[in-house]
Amino acid sequence: MHDAYRNIVSFVAQGTNSGKTTVMERVIAELARRGRTVTAVKHGLHMHYSDRQGKDTHRFADAGARRIVLFSPEGMLMYEQSPPDVDYLAIVAASGVDLVLVEGFKSGPFSKIEVFNDTLYTSPLCLGQPFGEYIALISNTPVTAGIRNFLFDEIDSLCTFIEERAGLDKP
């Protein structure tokens, strides 16, 4: 694994409704409770500009602006109208944070934690997929897959595992 990706973990699953979002939400909450700063990245196959037709930022995008940044005293939102390469994504996402958690992106070069629910699928992806490095499996029942297995209610232990894998000191 590329050293620049050391603090990036992708949560993957076979499909929707597997629990990825719920697991990530719980992991983010626990890491934040521990004082960690976290970037959450949502990977999708399609992305559409999110502002409403006729609004200023939508008009800027229609006019050809490649990057649109919205900011206020409460925060900032950046939208780019070009597919980012993975290294650029890693630099932007990891800047100034302890960990980056990605929802999805099975083919990405990051360490992966599979979210597996045996009520939906018969076997985990990590047993038969050629995509990258699976470091753990989180599931509703124990699964023997040759990697660390956490149950859905073991978020504390999963967070400790993620921190250790990223080389973070104890908070």
Protein backbone atom coordinates (compact mmCIF):
# COMPACT_ATOMS: atom_id res chain seq x y z
CA MET A 1 0.00 0.00 0.00
CA HIS A 2 1.19 3.49 -0.92
CA ASP A 3 2.40 5.30 2.26
CA ALA A 4 0.29 8.37 1.39
CA TYR A 5 -2.77 6.15 1.82
CA ARG A 6 -1.81 4.87 5.28
CA ASN A 7 -4.55 6.84 7.07
CA ILE A 8 -7.26 6.10 4.48
CA VAL A 9 -9.68 3.20 4.94
CA SER A 10 -12.46 2.27 2.55
CA PHE A 11 -15.63 0.58 3.82
CA VAL A 12 -16.98 -1.68 1.09
CA ALA A 13 -19.82 -4.15 0.64
CA GLN A 14 -21.41 -6.24 -2.08
CA GLY A 15 -24.31 -3.87 -2.50
CA THR A 16 -26.67 -1.40 -0.93
CA ASN A 17 -28.36 -1.84 2.44
CA SER A 18 -25.43 -3.82 3.81
CA GLY A 19 -24.81 -1.34 6.63
CA LYS A 20 -21.83 0.64 5.30
CA THR A 21 -23.29 4.04 6.12
CA THR A 22 -24.41 2.97 9.61
CA VAL A 23 -21.01 1.44 10.39
CA MET A 24 -19.15 4.50 9.10
CA GLU A 25 -21.41 6.83 11.07
CA ARG A 26 -20.73 4.88 14.27
CA VAL A 27 -16.97 4.72 13.57
CA ILE A 28 -16.83 8.48 12.88
CA ALA A 29 -18.72 9.21 16.12
CA GLU A 30 -16.36 7.01 18.16
CA LEU A 31 -13.21 8.43 16.54
CA ALA A 32 -14.49 11.98 17.12
CA ARG A 33 -15.23 11.07 20.75
CA ARG A 34 -11.57 9.99 21.01
CA GLY A 35 -10.47 13.39 19.70
CA ARG A 36 -9.60 12.25 16.17
CA THR A 37 -10.25 14.44 13.16
CA VAL A 38 -11.93 12.54 10.34
CA THR A 39 -12.74 13.20 6.70
CA ALA A 40 -15.66 11.20 5.29
CA VAL A 41 -15.65 10.55 1.54
CA LYS A 42 -18.62 9.11 -0.33
CA HIS A 43 -17.69 7.29 -3.52
CA GLY A 44 -20.36 6.96 -6.14
CA LEU A 45 -20.53 6.04 -9.79
CA HIS A 46 -22.31 9.24 -10.76
CA MET A 47 -22.08 12.72 -9.36
CA HIS A 48 -24.28 15.63 -10.24
CA TYR A 49 -23.83 19.23 -9.28
CA SER A 50 -25.93 19.71 -6.16
CA ASP A 51 -27.06 23.33 -6.29
CA ARG A 52 -30.46 24.28 -7.67
CA GLN A 53 -30.96 25.54 -11.20
CA GLY A 54 -30.66 29.33 -11.35
CA LYS A 55 -28.66 29.74 -8.12
CA ASP A 56 -25.33 31.56 -8.35
CA THR A 57 -23.06 28.55 -7.95
CA HIS A 58 -25.10 26.53 -10.46
CA ARG A 59 -24.74 29.41 -12.91
CA PHE A 60 -20.97 29.43 -12.33
CA ALA A 61 -20.82 25.70 -13.13
CA ASP A 62 -22.97 26.17 -16.25
CA ALA A 63 -20.67 28.99 -17.36
CA GLY A 64 -17.70 26.62 -17.19
CA ALA A 65 -16.09 27.06 -13.78
CA ARG A 66 -14.13 23.91 -13.09
CA ARG A 67 -14.06 24.37 -9.33
CA ILE A 68 -16.76 26.03 -7.25
CA VAL A 69 -16.16 26.78 -3.58
CA LEU A 70 -18.96 27.81 -1.25
CA PHE A 71 -17.95 29.13 2.14
CA SER A 72 -19.44 30.87 5.12
CA PRO A 73 -18.52 31.30 8.77
CA GLU A 74 -19.94 27.78 9.38
CA GLY A 75 -17.85 25.92 6.82
CA MET A 76 -16.81 25.29 3.25
CA LEU A 77 -17.99 23.08 0.39
CA MET A 78 -15.93 22.50 -2.75
CA TYR A 79 -17.18 20.99 -5.98
CA GLU A 80 -14.95 20.12 -8.93
CA GLN A 81 -16.28 19.34 -12.37
CA SER A 82 -13.51 16.92 -13.25
CA PRO A 83 -12.79 13.41 -12.09
CA PRO A 84 -10.02 13.60 -9.47
CA ASP A 85 -7.15 11.21 -9.68
CA VAL A 86 -6.68 9.05 -6.59
CA ASP A 87 -3.51 10.77 -5.41
CA TYR A 88 -5.18 14.20 -5.61
CA LEU A 89 -8.19 12.85 -3.72
CA ALA A 90 -5.90 11.46 -1.01
CA ILE A 91 -4.05 14.78 -0.64
CA VAL A 92 -7.26 16.84 -0.38
CA ALA A 93 -9.07 14.38 1.90
CA ALA A 94 -6.14 13.72 4.24
CA SER A 95 -4.97 17.31 4.63
CA GLY A 96 -5.12 18.28 8.29
CA VAL A 97 -6.94 15.19 9.55
CA ASP A 98 -6.04 11.98 11.37
CA LEU A 99 -8.12 9.56 9.29
CA VAL A 100 -10.04 9.43 6.03
CA LEU A 101 -12.96 7.02 5.83
CA VAL A 102 -14.29 6.25 2.37
CA GLU A 103 -17.70 4.71 1.77
CA GLY A 104 -17.38 2.48 -1.26
CA PHE A 105 -14.61 2.48 -3.89
CA LYS A 106 -13.97 -1.28 -4.00
CA SER A 107 -11.39 -0.90 -6.76
CA GLY A 108 -9.51 1.89 -4.96
CA PRO A 109 -5.96 1.44 -3.70
CA PHE A 110 -6.85 1.93 -0.03
CA SER A 111 -7.07 -0.59 2.79
CA LYS A 112 -10.56 -2.04 2.88
CA ILE A 113 -12.94 -3.10 5.60
CA GLU A 114 -15.80 -5.16 4.29
CA VAL A 115 -19.26 -4.73 5.78
CA PHE A 116 -20.97 -8.10 5.42
CA ASN A 117 -24.49 -9.13 6.36
CA ASP A 118 -25.20 -12.84 5.94
CA THR A 119 -28.94 -12.22 5.74
CA LEU A 120 -28.30 -10.52 2.37
CA TYR A 121 -25.31 -12.41 0.90
CA THR A 122 -23.91 -15.93 1.16
CA SER A 123 -20.21 -15.10 1.36
CA PRO A 124 -18.01 -12.03 1.85
CA LEU A 125 -16.36 -10.22 -1.07
CA CYS A 126 -12.93 -10.56 0.52
CA LEU A 127 -13.02 -14.32 -0.12
CA GLY A 128 -13.26 -13.98 -3.89
CA GLN A 129 -12.54 -10.46 -5.10
CA PRO A 130 -9.23 -9.43 -6.62
CA PHE A 131 -9.56 -5.80 -5.45
CA GLY A 132 -6.74 -4.73 -3.17
CA GLU A 133 -6.08 -5.16 0.49
CA TYR A 134 -8.87 -6.28 2.81
CA ILE A 135 -7.74 -5.69 6.38
CA ALA A 136 -10.91 -6.55 8.27
CA LEU A 137 -14.47 -7.74 8.01
CA ILE A 138 -17.35 -6.40 10.09
CA SER A 139 -20.40 -8.62 10.15
CA ASN A 140 -23.56 -9.56 12.00
CA THR A 141 -22.19 -13.04 12.85
CA PRO A 142 -18.60 -14.36 13.18
CA VAL A 143 -17.02 -15.18 9.81
CA THR A 144 -13.75 -17.00 9.13
CA ALA A 145 -12.11 -15.11 6.28
CA GLY A 146 -8.40 -15.03 7.16
CA ILE A 147 -8.60 -11.39 8.30
CA ARG A 148 -9.75 -9.67 11.49
CA ASN A 149 -13.48 -10.07 12.05
CA PHE A 150 -15.49 -7.62 14.13
CA LEU A 151 -19.19 -7.84 14.91
CA PHE A 152 -21.44 -4.84 14.25
CA ASP A 153 -21.49 -3.97 17.96
CA GLU A 154 -17.67 -3.99 18.30
CA ILE A 155 -17.14 -0.43 17.08
CA ASP A 156 -14.73 0.44 19.90
CA SER A 157 -12.40 -2.45 18.99
CA LEU A 158 -12.73 -1.67 15.28
CA CYS A 159 -11.72 1.96 15.88
CA THR A 160 -8.67 0.88 17.88
CA PHE A 161 -7.71 -1.46 15.03
CA ILE A 162 -8.08 1.38 12.47
CA GLU A 163 -5.99 3.75 14.59
CA GLU A 164 -3.24 1.15 15.00
CA ARG A 165 -3.22 0.34 11.25
CA ALA A 166 -2.86 4.06 10.49
CA GLY A 167 0.06 4.33 12.91
CA LEU A 168 -1.71 6.82 15.17
CA ASP A 169 -0.57 7.26 18.75
CA LYS A 170 -3.08 6.62 21.49
CA PRO A 171 -5.15 9.76 22.08
